[in-house]
Amino acid sequence: MDNDANDDDVGADMLSSRVYMLVSMIPKGRVCTYADIARAIGRPRASRLVGRILNRNPNPVIVPCHRVVKSNGSVGGYMYGYDAKRALLESEGVHVDCKGRIIGFDSVRFRFDLGSEVDK
């Protein structure tokens, strides 16, 4: 049995769990960026990894990954497609323009308090 592979699996599971926990804290009507989540897990260059983890989200009702968007305010990808993500965001009061960007992005952007216990 390859212990290194098992350690990698455990590390990946822990990282995914941390990402899911943080995303579940994003309030309705707010969005967070992939980069914000990457910074909150202590991996500031891991935005794409966060996206891959969220693409495998086993429970999108509890972990509202549709609330995670690109740093430039664009809606970004979603496991059920752009139209579904946009509709979910709009239903929560987050408005998207015709180019796929969040209207009033800075006012609806949620940021984690990196000094809080949650982010340690």
PDB file of N, CA and C in Angstrom:
ATOM      1  N   MET A   1       0.846  -1.188   0.000  1.00  0.00           N
ATOM      2  CA  MET A   1       0.000   0.000   0.000  1.00  0.00           C
ATOM      3  C   MET A   1       0.880   1.236   0.000  1.00  0.00           C
ATOM      4  N   ASP A   2       0.526   2.224  -0.782  1.00  0.00           N
ATOM      5  CA  ASP A   2       1.310   3.443  -0.931  1.00  0.00           C
ATOM      6  C   ASP A   2       0.819   4.495   0.056  1.00  0.00           C
ATOM      7  N   ASN A   3       1.574   4.675   1.143  1.00  0.00           N
ATOM      8  CA  ASN A   3       1.165   5.629   2.177  1.00  0.00           C
ATOM      9  C   ASN A   3       1.177   7.063   1.678  1.00  0.00           C
ATOM     10  N   ASP A   4       2.130   7.409   0.763  1.00  0.00           N
ATOM     11  CA  ASP A   4       2.168   8.765   0.236  1.00  0.00           C
ATOM     12  C   ASP A   4       0.876   9.108  -0.497  1.00  0.00           C
ATOM     13  N   ALA A   5       0.370   8.163  -1.275  1.00  0.00           N
ATOM     14  CA  ALA A   5      -0.882   8.404  -1.998  1.00  0.00           C
ATOM     15  C   ALA A   5      -2.025   8.619  -1.012  1.00  0.00           C
ATOM     16  N   ASN A   6      -2.050   7.821   0.067  1.00  0.00           N
ATOM     17  CA  ASN A   6      -3.105   7.985   1.066  1.00  0.00           C
ATOM     18  C   ASN A   6      -2.991   9.333   1.760  1.00  0.00           C
ATOM     19  N   ASP A   7      -1.751   9.771   2.064  1.00  0.00           N
ATOM     20  CA  ASP A   7      -1.552  11.076   2.679  1.00  0.00           C
ATOM     21  C   ASP A   7      -2.021  12.191   1.746  1.00  0.00           C
ATOM     22  N   ASP A   8      -1.744  12.056   0.455  1.00  0.00           N
ATOM     23  CA  ASP A   8      -2.193  13.043  -0.522  1.00  0.00           C
ATOM     24  C   ASP A   8      -3.717  13.105  -0.561  1.00  0.00           C
ATOM     25  N   ASP A   9      -4.369  11.941  -0.519  1.00  0.00           N
ATOM     26  CA  ASP A   9      -5.834  11.899  -0.528  1.00  0.00           C
ATOM     27  C   ASP A   9      -6.408  12.596   0.701  1.00  0.00           C
ATOM     28  N   VAL A  10      -5.808  12.328   1.870  1.00  0.00           N
ATOM     29  CA  VAL A  10      -6.277  12.949   3.113  1.00  0.00           C
ATOM     30  C   VAL A  10      -6.086  14.459   3.039  1.00  0.00           C
ATOM     31  N   GLY A  11      -4.934  14.900   2.538  1.00  0.00           N
ATOM     32  CA  GLY A  11      -4.676  16.332   2.399  1.00  0.00           C
ATOM     33  C   GLY A  11      -5.661  16.989   1.453  1.00  0.00           C
ATOM     34  N   ALA A  12      -5.947  16.325   0.340  1.00  0.00           N
ATOM     35  CA  ALA A  12      -6.907  16.855  -0.628  1.00  0.00           C
ATOM     36  C   ALA A  12      -8.300  16.928  -0.027  1.00  0.00           C
ATOM     37  N   ASP A  13      -8.683  15.887   0.716  1.00  0.00           N
ATOM     38  CA  ASP A  13      -9.994  15.891   1.370  1.00  0.00           C
ATOM     39  C   ASP A  13     -10.098  17.021   2.388  1.00  0.00           C
ATOM     40  N   MET A  14      -9.019  17.242   3.140  1.00  0.00           N
ATOM     41  CA  MET A  14      -9.027  18.311   4.141  1.00  0.00           C
ATOM     42  C   MET A  14      -9.117  19.682   3.460  1.00  0.00           C
ATOM     43  N   LEU A  15      -8.401  19.842   2.363  1.00  0.00           N
ATOM     44  CA  LEU A  15      -8.442  21.105   1.630  1.00  0.00           C
ATOM     45  C   LEU A  15      -9.833  21.347   1.054  1.00  0.00           C
ATOM     46  N   SER A  16     -10.411  20.312   0.461  1.00  0.00           N
ATOM     47  CA  SER A  16     -11.766  20.437  -0.085  1.00  0.00           C
ATOM     48  C   SER A  16     -12.756  20.783   1.019  1.00  0.00           C
ATOM     49  N   SER A  17     -12.645  20.127   2.144  1.00  0.00           N
ATOM     50  CA  SER A  17     -13.548  20.395   3.268  1.00  0.00           C
ATOM     51  C   SER A  17     -13.424  21.842   3.729  1.00  0.00           C
ATOM     52  N   ARG A  18     -12.205  22.341   3.753  1.00  0.00           N
ATOM     53  CA  ARG A  18     -11.982  23.731   4.170  1.00  0.00           C
ATOM     54  C   ARG A  18     -12.621  24.704   3.171  1.00  0.00           C
ATOM     55  N   VAL A  19     -12.441  24.426   1.884  1.00  0.00           N
ATOM     56  CA  VAL A  19     -13.049  25.271   0.849  1.00  0.00           C
ATOM     57  C   VAL A  19     -14.569  25.247   0.990  1.00  0.00           C
ATOM     58  N   TYR A  20     -15.145  24.051   1.135  1.00  0.00           N
ATOM     59  CA  TYR A  20     -16.606  23.939   1.267  1.00  0.00           C
ATOM     60  C   TYR A  20     -17.113  24.667   2.508  1.00  0.00           C
ATOM     61  N   MET A  21     -16.366  24.574   3.617  1.00  0.00           N
ATOM     62  CA  MET A  21     -16.775  25.244   4.845  1.00  0.00           C
ATOM     63  C   MET A  21     -16.803  26.762   4.636  1.00  0.00           C
ATOM     64  N   LEU A  22     -15.753  27.287   4.017  1.00  0.00           N
ATOM     65  CA  LEU A  22     -15.694  28.730   3.789  1.00  0.00           C
ATOM     66  C   LEU A  22     -16.801  29.197   2.852  1.00  0.00           C
ATOM     67  N   VAL A  23     -17.015  28.466   1.779  1.00  0.00           N
ATOM     68  CA  VAL A  23     -18.059  28.854   0.820  1.00  0.00           C
ATOM     69  C   VAL A  23     -19.432  28.819   1.489  1.00  0.00           C
ATOM     70  N   SER A  24     -19.644  27.882   2.389  1.00  0.00           N
ATOM     71  CA  SER A  24     -20.940  27.795   3.071  1.00  0.00           C
ATOM     72  C   SER A  24     -21.186  29.005   3.975  1.00  0.00           C
ATOM     73  N   MET A  25     -20.142  29.789   4.243  1.00  0.00           N
ATOM     74  CA  MET A  25     -20.275  30.978   5.087  1.00  0.00           C
ATOM     75  C   MET A  25     -20.611  32.243   4.295  1.00  0.00           C
ATOM     76  N   ILE A  26     -20.582  32.181   2.978  1.00  0.00           N
ATOM     77  CA  ILE A  26     -20.889  33.363   2.161  1.00  0.00           C
ATOM     78  C   ILE A  26     -22.390  33.617   2.253  1.00  0.00           C
ATOM     79  N   PRO A  27     -22.778  34.783   2.732  1.00  0.00           N
ATOM     80  CA  PRO A  27     -24.210  35.053   2.907  1.00  0.00           C
ATOM     81  C   PRO A  27     -24.971  35.159   1.583  1.00  0.00           C
ATOM     82  N   LYS A  28     -26.236  34.857   1.654  1.00  0.00           N
ATOM     83  CA  LYS A  28     -27.132  35.047   0.510  1.00  0.00           C
ATOM     84  C   LYS A  28     -27.092  36.519   0.100  1.00  0.00           C
ATOM     85  N   GLY A  29     -27.042  36.752  -1.210  1.00  0.00           N
ATOM     86  CA  GLY A  29     -27.005  38.114  -1.702  1.00  0.00           C
ATOM     87  C   GLY A  29     -25.610  38.712  -1.762  1.00  0.00           C
ATOM     88  N   ARG A  30     -24.603  37.894  -1.489  1.00  0.00           N
ATOM     89  CA  ARG A  30     -23.209  38.335  -1.534  1.00  0.00           C
ATOM     90  C   ARG A  30     -22.416  37.344  -2.384  1.00  0.00           C
ATOM     91  N   VAL A  31     -21.259  37.762  -2.858  1.00  0.00           N
ATOM     92  CA  VAL A  31     -20.362  36.895  -3.617  1.00  0.00           C
ATOM     93  C   VAL A  31     -18.947  37.023  -3.063  1.00  0.00           C
ATOM     94  N   CYS A  32     -18.151  36.032  -3.360  1.00  0.00           N
ATOM     95  CA  CYS A  32     -16.754  35.995  -2.962  1.00  0.00           C
ATOM     96  C   CYS A  32     -15.978  35.532  -4.193  1.00  0.00           C
ATOM     97  N   THR A  33     -14.702  35.825  -4.258  1.00  0.00           N
ATOM     98  CA  THR A  33     -13.939  35.400  -5.429  1.00  0.00           C
ATOM     99  C   THR A  33     -13.167  34.113  -5.147  1.00  0.00           C
ATOM    100  N   TYR A  34     -12.808  33.446  -6.232  1.00  0.00           N
ATOM    101  CA  TYR A  34     -11.962  32.256  -6.117  1.00  0.00           C
ATOM    102  C   TYR A  34     -10.662  32.626  -5.408  1.00  0.00           C
ATOM    103  N   ALA A  35     -10.107  33.796  -5.738  1.00  0.00           N
ATOM    104  CA  ALA A  35      -8.860  34.252  -5.119  1.00  0.00           C
ATOM    105  C   ALA A  35      -9.039  34.529  -3.629  1.00  0.00           C
ATOM    106  N   ASP A  36     -10.188  35.098  -3.243  1.00  0.00           N
ATOM    107  CA  ASP A  36     -10.463  35.346  -1.825  1.00  0.00           C
ATOM    108  C   ASP A  36     -10.456  34.032  -1.047  1.00  0.00           C
ATOM    109  N   ILE A  37     -11.071  33.017  -1.616  1.00  0.00           N
ATOM    110  CA  ILE A  37     -11.111  31.702  -0.951  1.00  0.00           C
ATOM    111  C   ILE A  37      -9.697  31.127  -0.877  1.00  0.00           C
ATOM    112  N   ALA A  38      -8.949  31.233  -1.970  1.00  0.00           N
ATOM    113  CA  ALA A  38      -7.574  30.713  -1.983  1.00  0.00           C
ATOM    114  C   ALA A  38      -6.742  31.385  -0.885  1.00  0.00           C
ATOM    115  N   ARG A  39      -6.875  32.704  -0.746  1.00  0.00           N
ATOM    116  CA  ARG A  39      -6.144  33.401   0.317  1.00  0.00           C
ATOM    117  C   ARG A  39      -6.600  32.931   1.694  1.00  0.00           C
ATOM    118  N   ALA A  40      -7.884  32.733   1.860  1.00  0.00           N
ATOM    119  CA  ALA A  40      -8.432  32.327   3.162  1.00  0.00           C
ATOM    120  C   ALA A  40      -7.955  30.934   3.581  1.00  0.00           C
ATOM    121  N   ILE A  41      -7.629  30.080   2.618  1.00  0.00           N
ATOM    122  CA  ILE A  41      -7.121  28.741   2.970  1.00  0.00           C
ATOM    123  C   ILE A  41      -5.592  28.731   3.043  1.00  0.00           C
ATOM    124  N   GLY A  42      -4.988  29.911   2.888  1.00  0.00           N
ATOM    125  CA  GLY A  42      -3.546  30.013   2.988  1.00  0.00           C
ATOM    126  C   GLY A  42      -2.791  29.623   1.733  1.00  0.00           C
ATOM    127  N   ARG A  43      -3.501  29.582   0.597  1.00  0.00           N
ATOM    128  CA  ARG A  43      -2.881  29.221  -0.687  1.00  0.00           C
ATOM    129  C   ARG A  43      -3.241  30.285  -1.718  1.00  0.00           C
ATOM    130  N   PRO A  44      -2.646  31.482  -1.595  1.00  0.00           N
ATOM    131  CA  PRO A  44      -3.063  32.624  -2.413  1.00  0.00           C
ATOM    132  C   PRO A  44      -2.951  32.443  -3.920  1.00  0.00           C
ATOM    133  N   ARG A  45      -2.175  31.490  -4.373  1.00  0.00           N
ATOM    134  CA  ARG A  45      -2.030  31.270  -5.821  1.00  0.00           C
ATOM    135  C   ARG A  45      -2.882  30.099  -6.309  1.00  0.00           C
ATOM    136  N   ALA A  46      -3.812  29.652  -5.495  1.00  0.00           N
ATOM    137  CA  ALA A  46      -4.578  28.437  -5.803  1.00  0.00           C
ATOM    138  C   ALA A  46      -6.015  28.712  -6.255  1.00  0.00           C
ATOM    139  N   SER A  47      -6.243  29.820  -6.933  1.00  0.00           N
ATOM    140  CA  SER A  47      -7.609  30.152  -7.388  1.00  0.00           C
ATOM    141  C   SER A  47      -8.195  29.063  -8.277  1.00  0.00           C
ATOM    142  N   ARG A  48      -7.396  28.550  -9.188  1.00  0.00           N
ATOM    143  CA  ARG A  48      -7.892  27.505 -10.097  1.00  0.00           C
ATOM    144  C   ARG A  48      -8.196  26.217  -9.343  1.00  0.00           C
ATOM    145  N   LEU A  49      -7.378  25.906  -8.355  1.00  0.00           N
ATOM    146  CA  LEU A  49      -7.631  24.727  -7.530  1.00  0.00           C
ATOM    147  C   LEU A  49      -8.971  24.879  -6.807  1.00  0.00           C
ATOM    148  N   VAL A  50      -9.233  26.055  -6.285  1.00  0.00           N
ATOM    149  CA  VAL A  50     -10.522  26.319  -5.627  1.00  0.00           C
ATOM    150  C   VAL A  50     -11.655  26.069  -6.623  1.00  0.00           C
ATOM    151  N   GLY A  51     -11.498  26.551  -7.851  1.00  0.00           N
ATOM    152  CA  GLY A  51     -12.511  26.325  -8.883  1.00  0.00           C
ATOM    153  C   GLY A  51     -12.724  24.846  -9.168  1.00  0.00           C
ATOM    154  N   ARG A  52     -11.644  24.083  -9.242  1.00  0.00           N
ATOM    155  CA  ARG A  52     -11.773  22.638  -9.495  1.00  0.00           C
ATOM    156  C   ARG A  52     -12.470  21.938  -8.333  1.00  0.00           C
ATOM    157  N   ILE A  53     -12.134  22.342  -7.117  1.00  0.00           N
ATOM    158  CA  ILE A  53     -12.791  21.754  -5.941  1.00  0.00           C
ATOM    159  C   ILE A  53     -14.293  22.050  -5.980  1.00  0.00           C
ATOM    160  N   LEU A  54     -14.650  23.289  -6.279  1.00  0.00           N
ATOM    161  CA  LEU A  54     -16.063  23.668  -6.306  1.00  0.00           C
ATOM    162  C   LEU A  54     -16.812  23.005  -7.453  1.00  0.00           C
ATOM    163  N   ASN A  55     -16.110  22.701  -8.525  1.00  0.00           N
ATOM    164  CA  ASN A  55     -16.753  22.002  -9.645  1.00  0.00           C
ATOM    165  C   ASN A  55     -17.161  20.583  -9.258  1.00  0.00           C
ATOM    166  N   ARG A  56     -16.559  20.046  -8.205  1.00  0.00           N
ATOM    167  CA  ARG A  56     -16.899  18.704  -7.709  1.00  0.00           C
ATOM    168  C   ARG A  56     -17.765  18.765  -6.446  1.00  0.00           C
ATOM    169  N   ASN A  57     -18.296  19.927  -6.145  1.00  0.00           N
ATOM    170  CA  ASN A  57     -19.107  20.127  -4.941  1.00  0.00           C
ATOM    171  C   ASN A  57     -20.230  19.079  -4.874  1.00  0.00           C
ATOM    172  N   PRO A  58     -20.191  18.202  -3.866  1.00  0.00           N
ATOM    173  CA  PRO A  58     -21.203  17.146  -3.780  1.00  0.00           C
ATOM    174  C   PRO A  58     -22.562  17.620  -3.265  1.00  0.00           C
ATOM    175  N   ASN A  59     -22.618  18.824  -2.712  1.00  0.00           N
ATOM    176  CA  ASN A  59     -23.875  19.297  -2.129  1.00  0.00           C
ATOM    177  C   ASN A  59     -24.050  20.803  -2.336  1.00  0.00           C
ATOM    178  N   PRO A  60     -24.401  21.222  -3.561  1.00  0.00           N
ATOM    179  CA  PRO A  60     -24.501  22.656  -3.847  1.00  0.00           C
ATOM    180  C   PRO A  60     -25.625  23.382  -3.104  1.00  0.00           C
ATOM    181  N   VAL A  61     -26.518  22.666  -2.468  1.00  0.00           N
ATOM    182  CA  VAL A  61     -27.560  23.327  -1.671  1.00  0.00           C
ATOM    183  C   VAL A  61     -26.949  23.850  -0.369  1.00  0.00           C
ATOM    184  N   ILE A  62     -26.097  23.044   0.259  1.00  0.00           N
ATOM    185  CA  ILE A  62     -25.454  23.430   1.517  1.00  0.00           C
ATOM    186  C   ILE A  62     -24.221  24.299   1.259  1.00  0.00           C
ATOM    187  N   VAL A  63     -23.481  23.979   0.209  1.00  0.00           N
ATOM    188  CA  VAL A  63     -22.276  24.731  -0.165  1.00  0.00           C
ATOM    189  C   VAL A  63     -22.609  25.524  -1.433  1.00  0.00           C
ATOM    190  N   PRO A  64     -23.037  26.772  -1.274  1.00  0.00           N
ATOM    191  CA  PRO A  64     -23.541  27.558  -2.406  1.00  0.00           C
ATOM    192  C   PRO A  64     -22.426  28.091  -3.310  1.00  0.00           C
ATOM    193  N   CYS A  65     -21.830  27.190  -4.079  1.00  0.00           N
ATOM    194  CA  CYS A  65     -20.681  27.561  -4.905  1.00  0.00           C
ATOM    195  C   CYS A  65     -21.037  28.563  -6.003  1.00  0.00           C
ATOM    196  N   HIS A  66     -22.323  28.767  -6.270  1.00  0.00           N
ATOM    197  CA  HIS A  66     -22.704  29.785  -7.248  1.00  0.00           C
ATOM    198  C   HIS A  66     -22.361  31.190  -6.752  1.00  0.00           C
ATOM    199  N   ARG A  67     -22.063  31.334  -5.472  1.00  0.00           N
ATOM    200  CA  ARG A  67     -21.710  32.636  -4.904  1.00  0.00           C
ATOM    201  C   ARG A  67     -20.226  32.966  -5.056  1.00  0.00           C
ATOM    202  N   VAL A  68     -19.477  32.092  -5.716  1.00  0.00           N
ATOM    203  CA  VAL A  68     -18.055  32.341  -5.939  1.00  0.00           C
ATOM    204  C   VAL A  68     -17.870  32.759  -7.393  1.00  0.00           C
ATOM    205  N   VAL A  69     -17.213  33.907  -7.573  1.00  0.00           N
ATOM    206  CA  VAL A  69     -17.063  34.511  -8.899  1.00  0.00           C
ATOM    207  C   VAL A  69     -15.603  34.870  -9.156  1.00  0.00           C
ATOM    208  N   LYS A  70     -15.330  35.315 -10.358  1.00  0.00           N
ATOM    209  CA  LYS A  70     -13.976  35.723 -10.726  1.00  0.00           C
ATOM    210  C   LYS A  70     -13.615  37.061 -10.069  1.00  0.00           C
ATOM    211  N   SER A  71     -12.331  37.297  -9.927  1.00  0.00           N
ATOM    212  CA  SER A  71     -11.836  38.521  -9.281  1.00  0.00           C
ATOM    213  C   SER A  71     -12.197  39.795 -10.034  1.00  0.00           C
ATOM    214  N   ASN A  72     -12.446  39.685 -11.317  1.00  0.00           N
ATOM    215  CA  ASN A  72     -12.816  40.869 -12.101  1.00  0.00           C
ATOM    216  C   ASN A  72     -14.315  41.154 -12.051  1.00  0.00           C
ATOM    217  N   GLY A  73     -15.054  40.379 -11.272  1.00  0.00           N
ATOM    218  CA  GLY A  73     -16.498  40.582 -11.148  1.00  0.00           C
ATOM    219  C   GLY A  73     -17.328  39.791 -12.135  1.00  0.00           C
ATOM    220  N   SER A  74     -16.661  39.011 -12.996  1.00  0.00           N
ATOM    221  CA  SER A  74     -17.403  38.151 -13.931  1.00  0.00           C
ATOM    222  C   SER A  74     -17.968  36.952 -13.182  1.00  0.00           C
ATOM    223  N   VAL A  75     -19.095  36.467 -13.664  1.00  0.00           N
ATOM    224  CA  VAL A  75     -19.774  35.354 -13.010  1.00  0.00           C
ATOM    225  C   VAL A  75     -18.891  34.108 -12.934  1.00  0.00           C
ATOM    226  N   GLY A  76     -18.190  33.776 -13.995  1.00  0.00           N
ATOM    227  CA  GLY A  76     -17.325  32.598 -13.986  1.00  0.00           C
ATOM    228  C   GLY A  76     -18.100  31.316 -14.235  1.00  0.00           C
ATOM    229  N   GLY A  77     -17.430  30.212 -14.029  1.00  0.00           N
ATOM    230  CA  GLY A  77     -18.013  28.909 -14.323  1.00  0.00           C
ATOM    231  C   GLY A  77     -18.924  28.387 -13.223  1.00  0.00           C
ATOM    232  N   TYR A  78     -19.654  27.341 -13.587  1.00  0.00           N
ATOM    233  CA  TYR A  78     -20.576  26.707 -12.641  1.00  0.00           C
ATOM    234  C   TYR A  78     -20.907  25.323 -13.173  1.00  0.00           C
ATOM    235  N   MET A  79     -20.969  24.373 -12.283  1.00  0.00           N
ATOM    236  CA  MET A  79     -21.188  22.983 -12.686  1.00  0.00           C
ATOM    237  C   MET A  79     -22.477  22.773 -13.474  1.00  0.00           C
ATOM    238  N   TYR A  80     -23.472  23.636 -13.276  1.00  0.00           N
ATOM    239  CA  TYR A  80     -24.746  23.509 -13.987  1.00  0.00           C
ATOM    240  C   TYR A  80     -24.890  24.531 -15.120  1.00  0.00           C
ATOM    241  N   GLY A  81     -23.807  25.248 -15.416  1.00  0.00           N
ATOM    242  CA  GLY A  81     -23.804  26.197 -16.521  1.00  0.00           C
ATOM    243  C   GLY A  81     -24.022  27.642 -16.089  1.00  0.00           C
ATOM    244  N   TYR A  82     -23.613  28.528 -16.969  1.00  0.00           N
ATOM    245  CA  TYR A  82     -23.684  29.973 -16.730  1.00  0.00           C
ATOM    246  C   TYR A  82     -25.107  30.445 -16.429  1.00  0.00           C
ATOM    247  N   ASP A  83     -26.073  30.002 -17.231  1.00  0.00           N
ATOM    248  CA  ASP A  83     -27.448  30.483 -17.059  1.00  0.00           C
ATOM    249  C   ASP A  83     -28.006  30.125 -15.685  1.00  0.00           C
ATOM    250  N   ALA A  84     -27.694  28.927 -15.215  1.00  0.00           N
ATOM    251  CA  ALA A  84     -28.165  28.502 -13.890  1.00  0.00           C
ATOM    252  C   ALA A  84     -27.507  29.337 -12.796  1.00  0.00           C
ATOM    253  N   LYS A  85     -26.201  29.587 -12.938  1.00  0.00           N
ATOM    254  CA  LYS A  85     -25.488  30.395 -11.935  1.00  0.00           C
ATOM    255  C   LYS A  85     -26.050  31.813 -11.902  1.00  0.00           C
ATOM    256  N   ARG A  86     -26.244  32.375 -13.065  1.00  0.00           N
ATOM    257  CA  ARG A  86     -26.786  33.731 -13.135  1.00  0.00           C
ATOM    258  C   ARG A  86     -28.177  33.786 -12.501  1.00  0.00           C
ATOM    259  N   ALA A  87     -29.022  32.821 -12.815  1.00  0.00           N
ATOM    260  CA  ALA A  87     -30.383  32.797 -12.264  1.00  0.00           C
ATOM    261  C   ALA A  87     -30.356  32.684 -10.740  1.00  0.00           C
ATOM    262  N   LEU A  88     -29.472  31.843 -10.210  1.00  0.00           N
ATOM    263  CA  LEU A  88     -29.357  31.702  -8.752  1.00  0.00           C
ATOM    264  C   LEU A  88     -28.901  33.012  -8.115  1.00  0.00           C
ATOM    265  N   LEU A  89     -27.886  33.641  -8.697  1.00  0.00           N
ATOM    266  CA  LEU A  89     -27.406  34.913  -8.160  1.00  0.00           C
ATOM    267  C   LEU A  89     -28.502  35.973  -8.213  1.00  0.00           C
ATOM    268  N   GLU A  90     -29.190  36.060  -9.337  1.00  0.00           N
ATOM    269  CA  GLU A  90     -30.277  37.044  -9.479  1.00  0.00           C
ATOM    270  C   GLU A  90     -31.386  36.780  -8.462  1.00  0.00           C
ATOM    271  N   SER A  91     -31.692  35.512  -8.208  1.00  0.00           N
ATOM    272  CA  SER A  91     -32.751  35.179  -7.246  1.00  0.00           C
ATOM    273  C   SER A  91     -32.385  35.594  -5.823  1.00  0.00           C
ATOM    274  N   GLU A  92     -31.085  35.778  -5.589  1.00  0.00           N
ATOM    275  CA  GLU A  92     -30.606  36.205  -4.266  1.00  0.00           C
ATOM    276  C   GLU A  92     -30.345  37.705  -4.212  1.00  0.00           C
ATOM    277  N   GLY A  93     -30.669  38.416  -5.305  1.00  0.00           N
ATOM    278  CA  GLY A  93     -30.498  39.868  -5.313  1.00  0.00           C
ATOM    279  C   GLY A  93     -29.160  40.348  -5.834  1.00  0.00           C
ATOM    280  N   VAL A  94     -28.351  39.454  -6.380  1.00  0.00           N
ATOM    281  CA  VAL A  94     -27.082  39.845  -6.988  1.00  0.00           C
ATOM    282  C   VAL A  94     -27.346  39.995  -8.482  1.00  0.00           C
ATOM    283  N   HIS A  95     -27.195  41.200  -8.991  1.00  0.00           N
ATOM    284  CA  HIS A  95     -27.544  41.468 -10.387  1.00  0.00           C
ATOM    285  C   HIS A  95     -26.332  41.358 -11.293  1.00  0.00           C
ATOM    286  N   VAL A  96     -26.589  40.835 -12.494  1.00  0.00           N
ATOM    287  CA  VAL A  96     -25.543  40.570 -13.475  1.00  0.00           C
ATOM    288  C   VAL A  96     -25.890  41.327 -14.753  1.00  0.00           C
ATOM    289  N   ASP A  97     -24.899  42.022 -15.317  1.00  0.00           N
ATOM    290  CA  ASP A  97     -25.158  42.768 -16.547  1.00  0.00           C
ATOM    291  C   ASP A  97     -25.112  41.852 -17.771  1.00  0.00           C
ATOM    292  N   CYS A  98     -25.354  42.427 -18.934  1.00  0.00           N
ATOM    293  CA  CYS A  98     -25.433  41.629 -20.161  1.00  0.00           C
ATOM    294  C   CYS A  98     -24.083  41.047 -20.580  1.00  0.00           C
ATOM    295  N   LYS A  99     -22.994  41.506 -19.985  1.00  0.00           N
ATOM    296  CA  LYS A  99     -21.666  40.961 -20.285  1.00  0.00           C
ATOM    297  C   LYS A  99     -21.216  39.923 -19.255  1.00  0.00           C
ATOM    298  N   GLY A 100     -22.121  39.588 -18.325  1.00  0.00           N
ATOM    299  CA  GLY A 100     -21.808  38.565 -17.333  1.00  0.00           C
ATOM    300  C   GLY A 100     -21.017  39.056 -16.142  1.00  0.00           C
ATOM    301  N   ARG A 101     -21.078  40.350 -15.870  1.00  0.00           N
ATOM    302  CA  ARG A 101     -20.373  40.912 -14.720  1.00  0.00           C
ATOM    303  C   ARG A 101     -21.363  41.311 -13.627  1.00  0.00           C
ATOM    304  N   ILE A 102     -20.924  41.138 -12.393  1.00  0.00           N
ATOM    305  CA  ILE A 102     -21.748  41.504 -11.244  1.00  0.00           C
ATOM    306  C   ILE A 102     -21.892  43.026 -11.204  1.00  0.00           C
ATOM    307  N   ILE A 103     -23.122  43.510 -11.128  1.00  0.00           N
ATOM    308  CA  ILE A 103     -23.386  44.943 -11.006  1.00  0.00           C
ATOM    309  C   ILE A 103     -23.161  45.330  -9.541  1.00  0.00           C
ATOM    310  N   GLY A 104     -22.372  46.370  -9.330  1.00  0.00           N
ATOM    311  CA  GLY A 104     -22.058  46.786  -7.960  1.00  0.00           C
ATOM    312  C   GLY A 104     -21.205  45.760  -7.242  1.00  0.00           C
ATOM    313  N   PHE A 105     -20.264  45.173  -7.975  1.00  0.00           N
ATOM    314  CA  PHE A 105     -19.433  44.085  -7.456  1.00  0.00           C
ATOM    315  C   PHE A 105     -18.841  44.387  -6.077  1.00  0.00           C
ATOM    316  N   ASP A 106     -18.232  45.552  -5.913  1.00  0.00           N
ATOM    317  CA  ASP A 106     -17.596  45.875  -4.627  1.00  0.00           C
ATOM    318  C   ASP A 106     -18.592  45.920  -3.475  1.00  0.00           C
ATOM    319  N   SER A 107     -19.826  46.305  -3.768  1.00  0.00           N
ATOM    320  CA  SER A 107     -20.815  46.417  -2.689  1.00  0.00           C
ATOM    321  C   SER A 107     -21.405  45.068  -2.277  1.00  0.00           C
ATOM    322  N   VAL A 108     -21.300  44.057  -3.128  1.00  0.00           N
ATOM    323  CA  VAL A 108     -21.836  42.732  -2.771  1.00  0.00           C
ATOM    324  C   VAL A 108     -20.728  41.720  -2.499  1.00  0.00           C
ATOM    325  N   ARG A 109     -19.488  42.168  -2.606  1.00  0.00           N
ATOM    326  CA  ARG A 109     -18.353  41.253  -2.393  1.00  0.00           C
ATOM    327  C   ARG A 109     -18.175  40.975  -0.916  1.00  0.00           C
ATOM    328  N   PHE A 110     -18.114  39.705  -0.586  1.00  0.00           N
ATOM    329  CA  PHE A 110     -17.902  39.243   0.791  1.00  0.00           C
ATOM    330  C   PHE A 110     -16.439  38.871   0.941  1.00  0.00           C
ATOM    331  N   ARG A 111     -15.823  39.360   1.988  1.00  0.00           N
ATOM    332  CA  ARG A 111     -14.423  39.014   2.253  1.00  0.00           C
ATOM    333  C   ARG A 111     -14.320  38.406   3.642  1.00  0.00           C
ATOM    334  N   PHE A 112     -13.496  37.398   3.729  1.00  0.00           N
ATOM    335  CA  PHE A 112     -13.265  36.761   5.015  1.00  0.00           C
ATOM    336  C   PHE A 112     -12.326  37.623   5.836  1.00  0.00           C
ATOM    337  N   ASP A 113     -12.577  37.679   7.133  1.00  0.00           N
ATOM    338  CA  ASP A 113     -11.685  38.375   8.054  1.00  0.00           C
ATOM    339  C   ASP A 113     -10.505  37.435   8.293  1.00  0.00           C
ATOM    340  N   LEU A 114      -9.389  37.716   7.636  1.00  0.00           N
ATOM    341  CA  LEU A 114      -8.253  36.804   7.704  1.00  0.00           C
ATOM    342  C   LEU A 114      -7.625  36.726   9.091  1.00  0.00           C
ATOM    343  N   GLY A 115      -8.036  37.581   9.985  1.00  0.00           N
ATOM    344  CA  GLY A 115      -7.541  37.502  11.353  1.00  0.00           C
ATOM    345  C   GLY A 115      -8.450  36.697  12.258  1.00  0.00           C
ATOM    346  N   SER A 116      -9.589  36.238  11.735  1.00  0.00           N
ATOM    347  CA  SER A 116     -10.551  35.527  12.583  1.00  0.00           C
ATOM    348  C   SER A 116     -10.140  34.091  12.789  1.00  0.00           C
ATOM    349  N   GLU A 117     -10.721  33.472  13.765  1.00  0.00           N
ATOM    350  CA  GLU A 117     -10.450  32.072  14.094  1.00  0.00           C
ATOM    351  C   GLU A 117     -10.809  31.138  12.936  1.00  0.00           C
ATOM    352  N   VAL A 118     -11.804  31.501  12.154  1.00  0.00           N
ATOM    353  CA  VAL A 118     -12.257  30.672  11.043  1.00  0.00           C
ATOM    354  C   VAL A 118     -11.150  30.451  10.026  1.00  0.00           C
ATOM    355  N   ASP A 119     -10.313  31.454   9.842  1.00  0.00           N
ATOM    356  CA  ASP A 119      -9.315  31.402   8.789  1.00  0.00           C
ATOM    357  C   ASP A 119      -7.951  30.905   9.243  1.00  0.00           C
ATOM    358  N   LYS A 120      -7.846  30.392  10.449  1.00  0.00           N
ATOM    359  CA  LYS A 120      -6.553  29.892  10.941  1.00  0.00           C
ATOM    360  C   LYS A 120      -6.448  28.394  10.776  1.00  0.00           C
TER     361      LYS A 120
END
